[in-house]
Protein backbone atom coordinates (compact mmCIF):
# COMPACT_ATOMS: atom_id res chain seq x y z
CA MET A 1 20.07 -7.83 17.59
CA GLN A 2 17.24 -5.65 16.29
CA PRO A 3 14.74 -7.35 13.93
CA ASP A 4 14.68 -6.79 10.19
CA CYS A 5 11.98 -4.23 9.33
CA LEU A 6 9.92 -3.34 6.29
CA TYR A 7 8.27 0.09 6.34
CA PHE A 8 5.37 0.45 3.91
CA GLU A 9 2.69 2.98 3.07
CA GLY A 10 -0.96 2.33 3.77
CA ALA A 11 -3.51 2.19 6.60
CA CYS A 12 -3.25 5.87 7.55
CA ARG A 13 -3.41 6.86 11.17
CA GLY A 14 -6.32 9.02 12.28
CA VAL A 15 -8.87 7.43 9.93
CA PRO A 16 -11.87 5.43 11.20
CA HIS A 17 -10.84 1.91 12.21
CA GLY A 18 -7.21 2.85 11.52
CA LYS A 19 -5.84 0.38 14.05
CA ASP A 20 -7.78 -2.50 12.46
CA LEU A 21 -6.59 -1.44 9.00
CA ARG A 22 -2.97 -1.45 10.13
CA ILE A 23 -3.43 -4.95 11.53
CA SER A 24 -5.01 -6.06 8.22
CA ALA A 25 -2.19 -4.47 6.24
CA ARG A 26 0.55 -6.12 8.29
CA SER A 27 -1.22 -9.46 8.13
CA ALA A 28 -1.65 -9.27 4.34
CA PHE A 29 2.01 -8.54 3.67
CA ALA A 30 3.06 -11.21 6.16
CA VAL A 31 0.95 -13.81 4.33
CA LEU A 32 2.31 -12.75 0.93
CA ILE A 33 5.91 -12.96 2.16
CA GLN A 34 5.27 -16.35 3.76
CA LYS A 35 3.98 -17.59 0.40
CA LEU A 36 7.49 -16.86 -0.89
CA GLY A 37 8.81 -19.28 1.70
CA LEU A 38 10.37 -16.47 3.75
CA ARG A 39 10.08 -15.45 7.38
CA PRO A 40 8.43 -12.01 7.40
CA PRO A 41 10.38 -9.13 8.93
CA LYS A 42 8.78 -6.71 11.37
CA LEU A 43 6.14 -4.97 9.24
CA VAL A 44 5.37 -1.31 9.94
CA ALA A 45 2.28 0.25 8.32
CA CYS A 46 3.13 3.95 8.15
CA GLY A 47 0.19 5.72 6.54
CA SER A 48 1.19 8.08 3.75
CA ARG A 49 4.12 7.66 1.39
CA ASN A 50 5.92 10.55 3.06
CA ASP A 51 5.36 9.01 6.49
CA ALA A 52 6.79 5.71 5.25
CA TYR A 53 9.86 7.41 3.81
CA GLU A 54 10.49 9.46 6.95
CA GLN A 55 10.09 6.49 9.28
CA PHE A 56 12.36 4.42 7.09
CA CYS A 57 15.04 7.12 7.14
CA GLY A 58 14.91 7.30 10.92
CA ALA A 59 15.18 3.54 11.27
CA HIS A 60 17.95 3.31 8.69
CA ASN A 61 20.03 5.87 10.57
CA LEU A 62 19.72 3.80 13.76
CA ALA A 63 20.05 0.35 12.18
CA GLN A 64 22.67 -2.10 13.34
CA ALA A 65 25.21 -3.44 10.88
CA ALA A 66 23.51 -6.77 10.21
CA GLN A 67 19.95 -5.44 10.31
CA PHE A 68 17.93 -5.21 7.09
CA VAL A 69 15.72 -2.11 7.05
CA ALA A 70 13.69 -1.55 3.87
CA LEU A 71 11.04 0.71 2.36
CA LEU A 72 8.07 -0.30 0.19
CA VAL A 73 5.87 2.36 -1.42
CA ASP A 74 3.76 2.88 -4.52
CA SER A 75 5.83 4.26 -7.37
CA GLU A 76 2.80 6.42 -8.36
CA ASP A 77 4.24 6.69 -11.89
CA PRO A 78 5.83 4.01 -14.10
CA VAL A 79 9.46 3.28 -13.22
CA ARG A 80 11.98 3.41 -16.03
CA ASP A 81 14.65 1.34 -14.26
CA LEU A 82 13.97 -0.82 -11.20
CA LYS A 83 17.71 -0.90 -10.52
CA ARG A 84 17.55 2.85 -9.83
CA ILE A 85 14.44 3.25 -7.67
CA TRP A 86 16.04 5.89 -5.47
CA SER A 87 16.55 8.01 -8.58
CA HIS A 88 12.88 7.63 -9.48
CA LEU A 89 11.78 8.67 -5.98
CA ASN A 90 14.18 11.60 -5.97
CA ALA A 91 12.94 12.88 -9.33
CA ARG A 92 9.27 12.36 -8.53
CA ASP A 93 9.06 13.14 -4.82
CA GLY A 94 12.26 14.97 -4.01
CA TRP A 95 13.28 12.19 -1.61
CA SER A 96 17.01 12.02 -0.97
CA ARG A 97 18.63 8.64 -0.68
CA PRO A 98 19.77 8.36 2.97
CA ASP A 99 23.51 8.20 3.55
CA GLY A 100 24.62 4.60 3.33
CA ALA A 101 21.29 3.30 2.03
CA ALA A 102 21.61 0.61 -0.64
CA GLU A 103 19.43 0.10 -3.70
CA ASP A 104 18.21 -3.19 -2.23
CA GLN A 105 16.61 -1.30 0.68
CA VAL A 106 13.88 0.23 -1.47
CA MET A 107 11.05 -1.48 -3.36
CA VAL A 108 8.00 -0.18 -5.19
CA MET A 109 4.59 -1.40 -6.21
CA VAL A 110 4.28 -0.13 -9.79
CA THR A 111 2.33 1.98 -9.98
CA CYS A 112 0.27 1.09 -6.91
CA MET A 113 -1.03 -1.91 -4.98
CA GLU A 114 -4.03 -2.08 -7.31
CA ALA A 115 -1.66 -3.10 -10.11
CA TRP A 116 -0.60 -6.17 -8.14
CA ILE A 117 -4.23 -7.03 -7.43
CA ALA A 118 -5.38 -6.46 -11.01
CA ALA A 119 -2.58 -8.67 -12.34
CA ASP A 120 -3.96 -11.78 -10.62
CA ARG A 121 -7.17 -12.22 -12.57
CA ALA A 122 -7.88 -15.73 -11.22
CA THR A 123 -7.85 -14.51 -7.62
CA LEU A 124 -10.14 -11.62 -8.55
CA PHE A 125 -12.58 -14.03 -10.23
CA SER A 126 -12.55 -16.29 -7.17
CA ALA A 127 -12.99 -13.46 -4.68
CA ALA A 128 -15.51 -11.36 -6.60
CA GLY A 129 -17.86 -14.06 -7.81
CA PRO A 130 -19.96 -14.46 -10.95
CA ARG A 131 -20.89 -10.78 -11.23
CA PHE A 132 -17.29 -9.76 -11.76
CA GLU A 133 -16.92 -7.89 -15.07
CA PRO A 134 -13.22 -7.75 -16.02
CA GLY A 135 -13.66 -6.43 -19.55
CA GLY A 136 -12.51 -2.92 -18.69
CA LEU A 137 -9.40 -3.97 -16.78
CA ALA A 138 -5.97 -3.62 -18.35
CA ALA A 139 -4.36 -6.90 -19.37
CA PRO A 140 -2.19 -8.32 -16.57
CA GLN A 141 1.01 -7.69 -18.54
CA ASN A 142 0.03 -4.02 -18.97
CA VAL A 143 -1.01 -3.01 -15.45
CA GLU A 144 2.40 -1.55 -14.55
CA THR A 145 2.08 1.00 -17.35
CA THR A 146 -1.54 1.88 -16.57
CA ASP A 147 -2.36 5.10 -14.74
CA ARG A 148 -2.97 4.41 -11.05
CA ALA A 149 -6.26 6.33 -10.98
CA SER A 150 -7.50 4.24 -13.89
CA LEU A 151 -6.53 1.03 -12.11
CA LEU A 152 -8.57 1.95 -9.05
CA ARG A 153 -11.52 3.19 -11.08
CA ASP A 154 -11.54 0.09 -13.28
CA LEU A 155 -11.34 -2.30 -10.31
CA GLU A 156 -14.24 -0.52 -8.65
CA HIS A 157 -16.24 -0.65 -11.90
CA ALA A 158 -15.46 -4.33 -12.56
CA THR A 159 -16.72 -5.31 -9.09
CA ARG A 160 -19.56 -2.80 -8.75
CA ASN A 161 -22.27 -5.52 -8.93
CA CYS A 162 -20.45 -7.97 -6.67
CA SER A 163 -21.48 -8.65 -3.10
CA ARG A 164 -18.14 -7.19 -1.96
CA PRO A 165 -17.05 -4.51 -4.44
CA TYR A 166 -13.45 -3.38 -4.47
CA GLN A 167 -12.49 -0.69 -1.98
CA LYS A 168 -9.18 0.61 -0.75
CA GLY A 169 -8.62 -0.41 2.83
CA ARG A 170 -9.65 -3.68 4.44
CA ARG A 171 -10.92 -5.20 1.17
CA SER A 172 -7.74 -4.36 -0.71
CA PHE A 173 -5.60 -5.94 2.01
CA GLU A 174 -7.80 -9.04 2.07
CA LEU A 175 -7.21 -9.46 -1.65
CA LEU A 176 -3.49 -8.82 -1.29
CA ALA A 177 -3.24 -11.76 1.10
CA GLU A 178 -4.95 -14.03 -1.45
CA LEU A 179 -2.68 -13.22 -4.40
CA ASP A 180 -0.65 -15.95 -6.07
CA PRO A 181 3.07 -15.09 -6.15
CA ALA A 182 3.57 -17.24 -9.24
CA VAL A 183 1.09 -15.12 -11.17
CA LEU A 184 2.58 -11.86 -9.90
CA ARG A 185 6.05 -13.09 -10.78
CA THR A 186 4.92 -13.79 -14.33
CA HIS A 187 3.41 -10.38 -15.04
CA LEU A 188 5.08 -7.84 -12.73
CA ALA A 189 8.67 -6.69 -12.86
CA SER A 190 8.12 -4.78 -9.62
CA PHE A 191 7.05 -7.96 -7.83
CA ARG A 192 10.07 -9.85 -9.15
CA ASP A 193 12.28 -7.07 -7.79
CA PHE A 194 10.43 -7.16 -4.44
CA GLU A 195 10.85 -10.92 -4.18
CA ALA A 196 14.53 -10.94 -5.17
CA LYS A 197 15.45 -8.27 -2.61
CA LEU A 198 13.60 -10.00 0.20
CA ARG A 199 14.93 -13.42 -0.75
CA ALA A 200 18.50 -12.11 -0.54
CA LYS A 201 17.99 -10.79 3.01
CA LEU A 202 15.30 -12.73 4.86
CA THR A 203 15.47 -16.14 6.50
CA PRO A 204 13.73 -19.02 4.71
CA LEU A 205 10.85 -20.61 6.56
CA GLN A 206 11.64 -23.95 8.12
CA TYR A 207 9.10 -26.69 7.56
CA ASP A 208 8.96 -29.91 9.58
């Protein structure tokens, strides 16, 4: 039987240190999923959103009956209804829902991964150190309705005086791996949707 697979955007091919970034991205999502008490699926870092969608479609068309193949991308814009993500992606990106694809095969980070990172203020404090200045960041309960460009700009500004300021790439994936699912669950509807869909399909971790 083929393994379950999650295709996600990020760690573009052709960029400097792209291979290392893809390893960091896969590792970060694996750690986050393990924190949910679930065995991670095969994780495929695809680069751009379009690359992730196209690779997902190809895998979905070849998937075996019992195989779970899923897509995770930034929503880019706020999502009106997380029960109709395919409709959001069709309206925004022109992506057609593949024949036979279910709603539980698509998940989004609303509006981007920075929203998930900005929601966990305690982890940011711990990682950034005493020079972290969070005053300009949106409140955790508001990050999913904040413009994605503002989220990135505000994270960079809040950590500008820190020894390791925020940057997309390796640093963002390092922070993703440190996030607390309980905090994300509290503030983020998109994370609750992500967790529920994975929990319904993936195998729980077995602890001795």
